[in-house]
Amino acid sequence: MRPLAFLFDLNGTMINDMPYHISAWHRIMNELGANISLERMKEECYGKNHEVIERIFPGRFTDAEKTKMSIRKERQYQKDFRPHLKLIDGLEKFLADSGRAGIKLGIGSAAIMINIDFVLDGLSIRKYFEAIVSADDVTKSKPNPETWLKCADKINLPPHNCLVFEDSPKGAESALNAGMRSLIITTLHKKDEFGNYKNVIGFIDDYNCIVLDHFNQSVIM
């Protein structure tokens, strides 16, 4: 059965920007004495900004200090990524086609709203989305299901009617915990990193390779 809603993660799923987030965090963390590799930073780059900081520097910074670091990081990220800001290939057509077909669209992201606004307004795509859930709207980050459950609630649909588009194992796990299927775009992570998630129905490189009729099938490869 075709889903009644498509719910999208943002970073790495709608725009291919995760290397810029990782690089910005890596620079700031090492300036503060973390002495961590880029690969380790990639592994830790999930969830809310405060959680990222706490994983690298447990107990070191106050919430106010974490907020300042978070804003500094996002300013650096936006400065670095702005010249490259664009949707992943085929996505805008897919959003438009989905909307015309009556499929509801939402965003569920661990990003703070200034980054979501940076993308939606910078690319003039806010019009497509009926629901937006940001880091500011949840108490627990992915892989907790709160983000996706709130998104489904905002569009008044049960979880099993929603398909989640994600790029990370933590995101796929979050969808699984919410009782939702997930389709993975392989911008940063490889297929073999998702072997434990039985809710994953397939993998795509970009949005040019899928059409709505695919979702009448149980698996997309």
Protein backbone atom coordinates (compact mmCIF):
# COMPACT_ATOMS: atom_id res chain seq x y z
CA MET A 1 0.00 0.00 0.00
CA ARG A 2 1.33 3.42 -0.93
CA PRO A 3 2.13 5.65 2.07
CA LEU A 4 -0.13 8.61 2.78
CA ALA A 5 2.77 10.76 3.98
CA PHE A 6 6.45 11.18 3.23
CA LEU A 7 8.52 12.44 6.16
CA PHE A 8 12.01 13.74 5.45
CA ASP A 9 15.09 14.13 7.54
CA LEU A 10 16.89 17.30 6.44
CA ASN A 11 20.68 17.15 6.56
CA GLY A 12 22.07 14.48 4.26
CA THR A 13 18.57 13.57 3.08
CA MET A 14 17.26 16.70 1.37
CA ILE A 15 20.61 18.45 0.97
CA ASN A 16 24.02 16.83 0.81
CA ASP A 17 25.61 18.89 3.57
CA MET A 18 26.74 16.45 6.25
CA PRO A 19 30.47 16.83 5.45
CA TYR A 20 30.10 20.56 6.20
CA HIS A 21 28.50 19.89 9.60
CA ILE A 22 31.20 17.36 10.44
CA SER A 23 33.96 19.73 9.36
CA ALA A 24 32.56 22.66 11.37
CA TRP A 25 32.22 20.54 14.51
CA HIS A 26 35.65 18.96 13.99
CA ARG A 27 37.31 22.38 13.81
CA ILE A 28 35.56 23.71 16.91
CA MET A 29 36.04 20.57 19.01
CA ASN A 30 39.75 20.40 18.29
CA GLU A 31 40.19 24.11 18.99
CA LEU A 32 38.78 23.29 22.43
CA GLY A 33 41.27 20.46 22.91
CA ALA A 34 39.27 17.38 21.92
CA ASN A 35 42.01 16.04 19.63
CA ILE A 36 39.60 13.80 17.72
CA SER A 37 39.79 12.52 14.17
CA LEU A 38 37.42 13.48 11.38
CA GLU A 39 36.15 9.88 11.33
CA ARG A 40 35.34 10.01 15.05
CA MET A 41 33.55 13.32 14.53
CA LYS A 42 31.46 11.70 11.79
CA GLU A 43 30.42 8.97 14.24
CA GLU A 44 29.39 11.53 16.87
CA CYS A 45 27.60 13.91 14.51
CA TYR A 46 23.99 13.03 15.30
CA GLY A 47 21.28 14.33 17.60
CA LYS A 48 20.95 17.78 19.11
CA ASN A 49 23.96 20.08 19.20
CA HIS A 50 24.04 20.05 23.00
CA GLU A 51 24.17 16.25 22.90
CA VAL A 52 27.07 16.26 20.44
CA ILE A 53 29.03 18.59 22.72
CA GLU A 54 28.24 16.52 25.80
CA ARG A 55 29.41 13.30 24.14
CA ILE A 56 32.77 14.86 23.30
CA PHE A 57 33.17 16.90 26.51
CA PRO A 58 31.06 15.20 29.20
CA GLY A 59 30.27 17.57 32.05
CA ARG A 60 32.60 20.33 30.89
CA PHE A 61 30.22 23.00 29.59
CA THR A 62 27.07 24.64 30.95
CA ASP A 63 23.91 24.77 28.84
CA ALA A 64 24.55 28.46 28.15
CA GLU A 65 28.07 27.67 26.93
CA LYS A 66 26.75 24.84 24.75
CA THR A 67 24.23 27.22 23.20
CA LYS A 68 27.00 29.69 22.31
CA MET A 69 29.08 26.87 20.81
CA SER A 70 26.05 25.64 18.87
CA ILE A 71 25.39 29.07 17.35
CA ARG A 72 29.07 29.45 16.48
CA LYS A 73 29.07 26.07 14.76
CA GLU A 74 25.91 26.82 12.77
CA ARG A 75 27.27 30.16 11.60
CA GLN A 76 30.43 28.43 10.41
CA TYR A 77 28.43 25.68 8.70
CA GLN A 78 26.14 28.16 6.92
CA LYS A 79 29.09 30.27 5.77
CA ASP A 80 30.88 27.22 4.36
CA PHE A 81 27.83 25.56 2.79
CA ARG A 82 25.92 28.57 1.44
CA PRO A 83 27.73 28.58 -1.95
CA HIS A 84 26.76 24.91 -2.37
CA LEU A 85 23.17 25.11 -1.11
CA LYS A 86 20.93 23.04 -3.36
CA LEU A 87 18.51 20.15 -3.09
CA ILE A 88 19.66 16.64 -3.84
CA ASP A 89 18.99 15.89 -7.50
CA GLY A 90 15.37 15.20 -8.35
CA LEU A 91 13.96 16.14 -4.95
CA GLU A 92 11.96 19.23 -5.86
CA LYS A 93 10.16 17.41 -8.68
CA PHE A 94 9.49 14.52 -6.31
CA LEU A 95 8.05 16.91 -3.70
CA ALA A 96 5.84 18.61 -6.28
CA ASP A 97 4.63 15.29 -7.74
CA SER A 98 3.90 13.95 -4.25
CA GLY A 99 1.91 17.02 -3.31
CA ARG A 100 -0.17 16.81 -6.48
CA ALA A 101 -0.87 13.15 -5.68
CA GLY A 102 -2.28 14.15 -2.29
CA ILE A 103 0.60 12.77 -0.25
CA LYS A 104 1.30 14.80 2.87
CA LEU A 105 4.87 15.99 3.41
CA GLY A 106 6.75 16.71 6.61
CA ILE A 107 10.24 17.30 7.96
CA GLY A 108 11.64 15.72 11.12
CA SER A 109 15.14 16.91 11.90
CA ALA A 110 17.63 17.21 14.74
CA ALA A 111 18.58 20.59 13.27
CA ILE A 112 17.66 23.78 15.09
CA MET A 113 15.20 26.07 13.33
CA ILE A 114 17.79 28.55 12.06
CA ASN A 115 19.25 25.76 9.94
CA ILE A 116 15.88 24.51 8.76
CA ASP A 117 14.94 28.08 7.82
CA PHE A 118 18.31 28.43 6.06
CA VAL A 119 17.34 25.57 3.75
CA LEU A 120 13.58 26.07 3.33
CA ASP A 121 13.77 29.80 2.70
CA GLY A 122 17.09 29.71 0.88
CA LEU A 123 15.63 27.25 -1.63
CA SER A 124 11.99 28.48 -1.50
CA ILE A 125 10.56 25.05 -0.66
CA ARG A 126 8.65 25.75 2.57
CA LYS A 127 5.41 25.64 0.56
CA TYR A 128 5.62 21.87 0.17
CA PHE A 129 5.58 20.94 3.85
CA GLU A 130 2.60 20.60 6.13
CA ALA A 131 4.60 19.73 9.26
CA ILE A 132 8.06 20.62 10.56
CA VAL A 133 9.58 19.15 13.73
CA SER A 134 12.97 20.52 14.78
CA ALA A 135 15.38 19.92 17.66
CA ASP A 136 13.52 22.67 19.51
CA ASP A 137 10.30 20.62 19.46
CA VAL A 138 11.50 17.41 21.11
CA THR A 139 13.08 16.38 24.39
CA LYS A 140 14.72 13.22 23.03
CA SER A 141 16.66 12.99 19.78
CA LYS A 142 16.87 10.18 17.25
CA PRO A 143 17.04 7.20 17.60
CA ASN A 144 14.20 7.98 20.02
CA PRO A 145 10.97 8.01 17.94
CA GLU A 146 9.68 11.33 19.33
CA THR A 147 10.61 13.35 16.23
CA TRP A 148 8.71 11.11 13.81
CA LEU A 149 5.74 10.55 16.10
CA LYS A 150 5.29 14.31 16.53
CA CYS A 151 5.57 14.77 12.78
CA ALA A 152 2.88 12.14 12.16
CA ASP A 153 0.68 13.74 14.80
CA LYS A 154 0.98 17.14 13.11
CA ILE A 155 -0.32 15.73 9.84
CA ASN A 156 -3.00 13.65 11.60
CA LEU A 157 -1.87 10.25 10.35
CA PRO A 158 -0.93 7.05 12.19
CA PRO A 159 2.74 6.01 12.00
CA HIS A 160 2.14 3.02 9.72
CA ASN A 161 0.86 5.35 6.99
CA CYS A 162 4.13 7.32 6.95
CA LEU A 163 7.33 6.59 5.06
CA VAL A 164 10.52 8.16 6.40
CA PHE A 165 13.35 9.30 4.14
CA GLU A 166 16.65 9.13 6.01
CA ASP A 167 20.39 9.02 5.43
CA SER A 168 21.74 7.65 8.72
CA PRO A 169 21.48 4.45 10.76
CA LYS A 170 20.31 6.46 13.79
CA GLY A 171 17.55 7.94 11.66
CA ALA A 172 16.49 4.53 10.36
CA GLU A 173 16.43 3.24 13.94
CA SER A 174 14.29 6.20 14.98
CA ALA A 175 11.79 5.39 12.22
CA LEU A 176 11.78 1.74 13.29
CA ASN A 177 11.08 2.76 16.87
CA ALA A 178 8.20 4.91 15.61
CA GLY A 179 6.67 2.00 13.67
CA MET A 180 7.48 3.51 10.28
CA ARG A 181 9.17 2.17 7.18
CA SER A 182 12.24 3.98 5.90
CA LEU A 183 13.89 4.63 2.55
CA ILE A 184 17.60 5.44 2.72
CA ILE A 185 19.52 7.90 0.58
CA THR A 186 23.18 6.94 0.56
CA THR A 187 24.86 10.34 0.75
CA LEU A 188 27.12 9.55 3.71
CA HIS A 189 26.51 5.99 4.89
CA LYS A 190 26.80 2.69 3.02
CA LYS A 191 24.09 0.06 2.61
CA ASP A 192 25.83 -2.43 4.89
CA GLU A 193 25.50 -0.01 7.82
CA PHE A 194 21.71 -0.54 7.79
CA GLY A 195 21.63 -4.32 8.04
CA ASN A 196 19.96 -4.36 11.46
CA TYR A 197 16.95 -2.28 10.47
CA LYS A 198 14.13 -4.41 9.09
CA ASN A 199 12.00 -1.35 8.36
CA VAL A 200 14.36 -0.23 5.56
CA ILE A 201 12.62 -0.89 2.24
CA GLY A 202 15.43 0.18 -0.06
CA PHE A 203 18.22 2.56 -0.99
CA ILE A 204 18.55 5.44 -3.46
CA ASP A 205 21.43 7.62 -4.66
CA ASP A 206 19.16 10.59 -5.43
CA TYR A 207 15.49 11.31 -6.15
CA ASN A 208 15.71 10.92 -9.92
CA CYS A 209 15.60 7.15 -9.57
CA ILE A 210 12.18 6.93 -7.90
CA VAL A 211 8.62 7.60 -9.03
CA LEU A 212 5.43 7.42 -7.03
CA ASP A 213 4.43 4.08 -8.56
CA HIS A 214 7.42 2.52 -6.82
CA PHE A 215 5.62 2.90 -3.52
CA ASN A 216 2.99 0.39 -4.52
CA GLN A 217 5.82 -2.14 -4.19
CA SER A 218 7.14 -3.48 -0.91
CA VAL A 219 10.84 -3.05 -1.70
CA ILE A 220 12.80 -0.41 -3.59
CA MET A 221 16.38 -1.19 -4.58
